[in-house]
Amino acid sequence: MGIQHGTMIKREIPRQMAKDSNSNRLFDSGSTASSAISTMMYGNLAINIVMSASLQMLWGMVNVM
């Protein structure tokens, strides 16, 4: 097993994607990232509101004691 006689080794890496599909994929991934960040922000807001109410009740109980 080795390189056969007459085999050529190229120095450049061949293009992996078509030129026109590259820009479309970058745009799609940006849109996906934007909606993921937006979803995380709204989820974080909801969790903060719930936790704030719970901690406020707990603090009230501690003050009563």
PDB file of N, CA and C in Angstrom:
ATOM      1  N   MET A   1       0.840  -1.173   0.000  1.00  0.00           N
ATOM      2  CA  MET A   1       0.000   0.000   0.000  1.00  0.00           C
ATOM      3  C   MET A   1       0.879   1.227   0.000  1.00  0.00           C
ATOM      4  N   GLY A   2       0.718   2.006  -0.947  1.00  0.00           N
ATOM      5  CA  GLY A   2       1.449   3.241  -1.058  1.00  0.00           C
ATOM      6  C   GLY A   2       0.880   4.039  -2.210  1.00  0.00           C
ATOM      7  N   ILE A   3       1.527   5.106  -2.531  1.00  0.00           N
ATOM      8  CA  ILE A   3       1.081   5.925  -3.651  1.00  0.00           C
ATOM      9  C   ILE A   3       1.546   5.257  -4.935  1.00  0.00           C
ATOM     10  N   GLN A   4       0.616   5.094  -5.848  1.00  0.00           N
ATOM     11  CA  GLN A   4       0.941   4.450  -7.114  1.00  0.00           C
ATOM     12  C   GLN A   4       1.735   5.399  -7.997  1.00  0.00           C
ATOM     13  N   HIS A   5       2.516   4.849  -8.879  1.00  0.00           N
ATOM     14  CA  HIS A   5       3.314   5.632  -9.820  1.00  0.00           C
ATOM     15  C   HIS A   5       2.378   6.397 -10.752  1.00  0.00           C
ATOM     16  N   GLY A   6       2.632   7.663 -10.945  1.00  0.00           N
ATOM     17  CA  GLY A   6       1.823   8.486 -11.835  1.00  0.00           C
ATOM     18  C   GLY A   6       0.677   9.213 -11.127  1.00  0.00           C
ATOM     19  N   THR A   7       0.571   9.061  -9.813  1.00  0.00           N
ATOM     20  CA  THR A   7      -0.482   9.742  -9.059  1.00  0.00           C
ATOM     21  C   THR A   7      -0.080  11.192  -8.831  1.00  0.00           C
ATOM     22  N   MET A   8      -1.028  12.105  -9.052  1.00  0.00           N
ATOM     23  CA  MET A   8      -0.756  13.529  -8.848  1.00  0.00           C
ATOM     24  C   MET A   8      -1.381  13.984  -7.530  1.00  0.00           C
ATOM     25  N   ILE A   9      -0.659  14.782  -6.795  1.00  0.00           N
ATOM     26  CA  ILE A   9      -1.154  15.340  -5.539  1.00  0.00           C
ATOM     27  C   ILE A   9      -1.415  16.820  -5.773  1.00  0.00           C
ATOM     28  N   LYS A  10      -2.643  17.256  -5.491  1.00  0.00           N
ATOM     29  CA  LYS A  10      -3.007  18.660  -5.703  1.00  0.00           C
ATOM     30  C   LYS A  10      -2.673  19.469  -4.459  1.00  0.00           C
ATOM     31  N   ARG A  11      -2.348  20.737  -4.657  1.00  0.00           N
ATOM     32  CA  ARG A  11      -1.997  21.621  -3.560  1.00  0.00           C
ATOM     33  C   ARG A  11      -3.178  22.443  -3.065  1.00  0.00           C
ATOM     34  N   GLU A  12      -4.290  22.458  -3.741  1.00  0.00           N
ATOM     35  CA  GLU A  12      -5.401  23.293  -3.345  1.00  0.00           C
ATOM     36  C   GLU A  12      -6.583  22.428  -2.897  1.00  0.00           C
ATOM     37  N   ILE A  13      -7.392  22.994  -2.051  1.00  0.00           N
ATOM     38  CA  ILE A  13      -8.570  22.294  -1.561  1.00  0.00           C
ATOM     39  C   ILE A  13      -9.731  22.626  -2.491  1.00  0.00           C
ATOM     40  N   PRO A  14     -10.441  21.632  -3.003  1.00  0.00           N
ATOM     41  CA  PRO A  14     -11.553  21.921  -3.911  1.00  0.00           C
ATOM     42  C   PRO A  14     -12.718  22.590  -3.172  1.00  0.00           C
ATOM     43  N   ARG A  15     -13.497  23.387  -3.878  1.00  0.00           N
ATOM     44  CA  ARG A  15     -14.647  24.078  -3.303  1.00  0.00           C
ATOM     45  C   ARG A  15     -15.651  23.048  -2.808  1.00  0.00           C
ATOM     46  N   GLN A  16     -16.166  23.267  -1.595  1.00  0.00           N
ATOM     47  CA  GLN A  16     -17.082  22.315  -0.984  1.00  0.00           C
ATOM     48  C   GLN A  16     -18.545  22.680  -1.224  1.00  0.00           C
ATOM     49  N   MET A  17     -18.826  23.971  -1.439  1.00  0.00           N
ATOM     50  CA  MET A  17     -20.199  24.411  -1.661  1.00  0.00           C
ATOM     51  C   MET A  17     -20.242  25.288  -2.896  1.00  0.00           C
ATOM     52  N   ALA A  18     -21.393  25.359  -3.526  1.00  0.00           N
ATOM     53  CA  ALA A  18     -21.558  26.236  -4.678  1.00  0.00           C
ATOM     54  C   ALA A  18     -21.498  27.693  -4.221  1.00  0.00           C
ATOM     55  N   LYS A  19     -21.077  28.582  -5.090  1.00  0.00           N
ATOM     56  CA  LYS A  19     -20.922  29.990  -4.716  1.00  0.00           C
ATOM     57  C   LYS A  19     -22.237  30.631  -4.304  1.00  0.00           C
ATOM     58  N   ASP A  20     -23.323  30.344  -4.994  1.00  0.00           N
ATOM     59  CA  ASP A  20     -24.593  30.992  -4.673  1.00  0.00           C
ATOM     60  C   ASP A  20     -25.220  30.457  -3.388  1.00  0.00           C
ATOM     61  N   SER A  21     -24.956  29.224  -3.011  1.00  0.00           N
ATOM     62  CA  SER A  21     -25.576  28.671  -1.803  1.00  0.00           C
ATOM     63  C   SER A  21     -24.888  29.165  -0.536  1.00  0.00           C
ATOM     64  N   ASN A  22     -23.677  29.665  -0.630  1.00  0.00           N
ATOM     65  CA  ASN A  22     -22.938  30.119   0.545  1.00  0.00           C
ATOM     66  C   ASN A  22     -23.633  31.295   1.220  1.00  0.00           C
ATOM     67  N   SER A  23     -24.040  32.290   0.450  1.00  0.00           N
ATOM     68  CA  SER A  23     -24.672  33.465   1.047  1.00  0.00           C
ATOM     69  C   SER A  23     -26.040  33.120   1.625  1.00  0.00           C
ATOM     70  N   ASN A  24     -26.780  32.224   0.994  1.00  0.00           N
ATOM     71  CA  ASN A  24     -28.096  31.850   1.516  1.00  0.00           C
ATOM     72  C   ASN A  24     -27.975  31.122   2.837  1.00  0.00           C
ATOM     73  N   ARG A  25     -26.994  30.269   2.979  1.00  0.00           N
ATOM     74  CA  ARG A  25     -26.833  29.528   4.219  1.00  0.00           C
ATOM     75  C   ARG A  25     -26.397  30.446   5.357  1.00  0.00           C
ATOM     76  N   LEU A  26     -25.572  31.425   5.066  1.00  0.00           N
ATOM     77  CA  LEU A  26     -25.168  32.360   6.112  1.00  0.00           C
ATOM     78  C   LEU A  26     -26.365  33.168   6.587  1.00  0.00           C
ATOM     79  N   PHE A  27     -27.231  33.567   5.664  1.00  0.00           N
ATOM     80  CA  PHE A  27     -28.417  34.329   6.035  1.00  0.00           C
ATOM     81  C   PHE A  27     -29.354  33.475   6.869  1.00  0.00           C
ATOM     82  N   ASP A  28     -29.543  32.210   6.494  1.00  0.00           N
ATOM     83  CA  ASP A  28     -30.427  31.317   7.242  1.00  0.00           C
ATOM     84  C   ASP A  28     -29.910  31.083   8.655  1.00  0.00           C
ATOM     85  N   SER A  29     -28.609  30.913   8.812  1.00  0.00           N
ATOM     86  CA  SER A  29     -28.068  30.667  10.150  1.00  0.00           C
ATOM     87  C   SER A  29     -28.179  31.923  11.013  1.00  0.00           C
ATOM     88  N   GLY A  30     -28.069  33.101  10.430  1.00  0.00           N
ATOM     89  CA  GLY A  30     -28.247  34.340  11.174  1.00  0.00           C
ATOM     90  C   GLY A  30     -29.671  34.493  11.653  1.00  0.00           C
ATOM     91  N   SER A  31     -30.617  34.129  10.812  1.00  0.00           N
ATOM     92  CA  SER A  31     -32.025  34.188  11.183  1.00  0.00           C
ATOM     93  C   SER A  31     -32.329  33.196  12.300  1.00  0.00           C
ATOM     94  N   THR A  32     -31.758  32.007  12.209  1.00  0.00           N
ATOM     95  CA  THR A  32     -31.955  30.988  13.238  1.00  0.00           C
ATOM     96  C   THR A  32     -31.358  31.449  14.562  1.00  0.00           C
ATOM     97  N   ALA A  33     -30.168  32.011  14.512  1.00  0.00           N
ATOM     98  CA  ALA A  33     -29.528  32.498  15.741  1.00  0.00           C
ATOM     99  C   ALA A  33     -30.335  33.623  16.356  1.00  0.00           C
ATOM    100  N   SER A  34     -30.879  34.495  15.533  1.00  0.00           N
ATOM    101  CA  SER A  34     -31.676  35.606  16.038  1.00  0.00           C
ATOM    102  C   SER A  34     -32.928  35.108  16.747  1.00  0.00           C
ATOM    103  N   SER A  35     -33.625  34.137  16.163  1.00  0.00           N
ATOM    104  CA  SER A  35     -34.829  33.641  16.827  1.00  0.00           C
ATOM    105  C   SER A  35     -34.488  32.824  18.066  1.00  0.00           C
ATOM    106  N   ALA A  36     -33.330  32.160  18.092  1.00  0.00           N
ATOM    107  CA  ALA A  36     -32.928  31.420  19.290  1.00  0.00           C
ATOM    108  C   ALA A  36     -32.625  32.382  20.434  1.00  0.00           C
ATOM    109  N   ILE A  37     -31.944  33.471  20.139  1.00  0.00           N
ATOM    110  CA  ILE A  37     -31.631  34.465  21.168  1.00  0.00           C
ATOM    111  C   ILE A  37     -32.904  35.120  21.682  1.00  0.00           C
ATOM    112  N   SER A  38     -33.822  35.422  20.769  1.00  0.00           N
ATOM    113  CA  SER A  38     -35.089  36.030  21.170  1.00  0.00           C
ATOM    114  C   SER A  38     -35.876  35.091  22.083  1.00  0.00           C
ATOM    115  N   THR A  39     -35.924  33.820  21.744  1.00  0.00           N
ATOM    116  CA  THR A  39     -36.627  32.836  22.572  1.00  0.00           C
ATOM    117  C   THR A  39     -35.998  32.725  23.947  1.00  0.00           C
ATOM    118  N   MET A  40     -34.675  32.724  23.999  1.00  0.00           N
ATOM    119  CA  MET A  40     -33.980  32.642  25.285  1.00  0.00           C
ATOM    120  C   MET A  40     -34.250  33.870  26.140  1.00  0.00           C
ATOM    121  N   MET A  41     -34.307  35.040  25.524  1.00  0.00           N
ATOM    122  CA  MET A  41     -34.576  36.264  26.288  1.00  0.00           C
ATOM    123  C   MET A  41     -35.978  36.243  26.896  1.00  0.00           C
ATOM    124  N   TYR A  42     -36.987  35.830  26.114  1.00  0.00           N
ATOM    125  CA  TYR A  42     -38.353  35.770  26.646  1.00  0.00           C
ATOM    126  C   TYR A  42     -38.481  34.708  27.728  1.00  0.00           C
ATOM    127  N   GLY A  43     -37.819  33.582  27.555  1.00  0.00           N
ATOM    128  CA  GLY A  43     -37.826  32.542  28.579  1.00  0.00           C
ATOM    129  C   GLY A  43     -37.179  33.018  29.860  1.00  0.00           C
ATOM    130  N   ASN A  44     -36.066  33.717  29.727  1.00  0.00           N
ATOM    131  CA  ASN A  44     -35.363  34.259  30.891  1.00  0.00           C
ATOM    132  C   ASN A  44     -36.236  35.277  31.626  1.00  0.00           C
ATOM    133  N   LEU A  45     -36.949  36.102  30.876  1.00  0.00           N
ATOM    134  CA  LEU A  45     -37.846  37.084  31.478  1.00  0.00           C
ATOM    135  C   LEU A  45     -38.936  36.390  32.290  1.00  0.00           C
ATOM    136  N   ALA A  46     -39.539  35.359  31.726  1.00  0.00           N
ATOM    137  CA  ALA A  46     -40.600  34.628  32.430  1.00  0.00           C
ATOM    138  C   ALA A  46     -40.060  33.968  33.701  1.00  0.00           C
ATOM    139  N   ILE A  47     -38.897  33.362  33.620  1.00  0.00           N
ATOM    140  CA  ILE A  47     -38.301  32.714  34.792  1.00  0.00           C
ATOM    141  C   ILE A  47     -37.973  33.751  35.862  1.00  0.00           C
ATOM    142  N   ASN A  48     -37.469  34.903  35.461  1.00  0.00           N
ATOM    143  CA  ASN A  48     -37.163  35.964  36.431  1.00  0.00           C
ATOM    144  C   ASN A  48     -38.415  36.448  37.154  1.00  0.00           C
ATOM    145  N   ILE A  49     -39.517  36.587  36.438  1.00  0.00           N
ATOM    146  CA  ILE A  49     -40.761  37.050  37.069  1.00  0.00           C
ATOM    147  C   ILE A  49     -41.247  36.025  38.089  1.00  0.00           C
ATOM    148  N   VAL A  50     -41.230  34.738  37.706  1.00  0.00           N
ATOM    149  CA  VAL A  50     -41.685  33.683  38.621  1.00  0.00           C
ATOM    150  C   VAL A  50     -40.779  33.603  39.842  1.00  0.00           C
ATOM    151  N   MET A  51     -39.474  33.642  39.626  1.00  0.00           N
ATOM    152  CA  MET A  51     -38.538  33.542  40.746  1.00  0.00           C
ATOM    153  C   MET A  51     -38.629  34.764  41.654  1.00  0.00           C
ATOM    154  N   SER A  52     -38.862  35.933  41.082  1.00  0.00           N
ATOM    155  CA  SER A  52     -38.978  37.147  41.873  1.00  0.00           C
ATOM    156  C   SER A  52     -40.159  37.051  42.829  1.00  0.00           C
ATOM    157  N   ALA A  53     -41.286  36.574  42.325  1.00  0.00           N
ATOM    158  CA  ALA A  53     -42.473  36.441  43.172  1.00  0.00           C
ATOM    159  C   ALA A  53     -42.222  35.413  44.276  1.00  0.00           C
ATOM    160  N   SER A  54     -41.596  34.300  43.944  1.00  0.00           N
ATOM    161  CA  SER A  54     -41.333  33.257  44.942  1.00  0.00           C
ATOM    162  C   SER A  54     -40.369  33.751  46.011  1.00  0.00           C
ATOM    163  N   LEU A  55     -39.313  34.423  45.609  1.00  0.00           N
ATOM    164  CA  LEU A  55     -38.337  34.906  46.575  1.00  0.00           C
ATOM    165  C   LEU A  55     -38.920  36.016  47.447  1.00  0.00           C
ATOM    166  N   GLN A  56     -39.822  36.806  46.882  1.00  0.00           N
ATOM    167  CA  GLN A  56     -40.450  37.861  47.665  1.00  0.00           C
ATOM    168  C   GLN A  56     -41.325  37.262  48.770  1.00  0.00           C
ATOM    169  N   MET A  57     -42.057  36.183  48.449  1.00  0.00           N
ATOM    170  CA  MET A  57     -42.871  35.513  49.459  1.00  0.00           C
ATOM    171  C   MET A  57     -41.989  34.892  50.537  1.00  0.00           C
ATOM    172  N   LEU A  58     -40.872  34.277  50.122  1.00  0.00           N
ATOM    173  CA  LEU A  58     -39.957  33.661  51.067  1.00  0.00           C
ATOM    174  C   LEU A  58     -39.348  34.703  52.000  1.00  0.00           C
ATOM    175  N   TRP A  59     -38.964  35.840  51.465  1.00  0.00           N
ATOM    176  CA  TRP A  59     -38.387  36.908  52.271  1.00  0.00           C
ATOM    177  C   TRP A  59     -39.412  37.447  53.256  1.00  0.00           C
ATOM    178  N   GLY A  60     -40.661  37.534  52.823  1.00  0.00           N
ATOM    179  CA  GLY A  60     -41.734  37.956  53.722  1.00  0.00           C
ATOM    180  C   GLY A  60     -41.900  36.999  54.886  1.00  0.00           C
ATOM    181  N   MET A  61     -41.813  35.689  54.632  1.00  0.00           N
ATOM    182  CA  MET A  61     -41.911  34.694  55.700  1.00  0.00           C
ATOM    183  C   MET A  61     -40.755  34.810  56.692  1.00  0.00           C
ATOM    184  N   VAL A  62     -39.545  35.079  56.180  1.00  0.00           N
ATOM    185  CA  VAL A  62     -38.379  35.237  57.043  1.00  0.00           C
ATOM    186  C   VAL A  62     -38.559  36.469  57.928  1.00  0.00           C
ATOM    187  N   ASN A  63     -39.079  37.555  57.380  1.00  0.00           N
ATOM    188  CA  ASN A  63     -39.294  38.776  58.162  1.00  0.00           C
ATOM    189  C   ASN A  63     -40.328  38.579  59.260  1.00  0.00           C
ATOM    190  N   VAL A  64     -41.325  37.753  59.006  1.00  0.00           N
ATOM    191  CA  VAL A  64     -42.352  37.492  60.010  1.00  0.00           C
ATOM    192  C   VAL A  64     -41.761  36.767  61.205  1.00  0.00           C
ATOM    193  N   MET A  65     -40.842  35.874  60.951  1.00  0.00           N
ATOM    194  CA  MET A  65     -40.235  35.104  62.044  1.00  0.00           C
ATOM    195  C   MET A  65     -39.367  36.023  62.853  1.00  0.00           C
TER     196      MET A  65
END
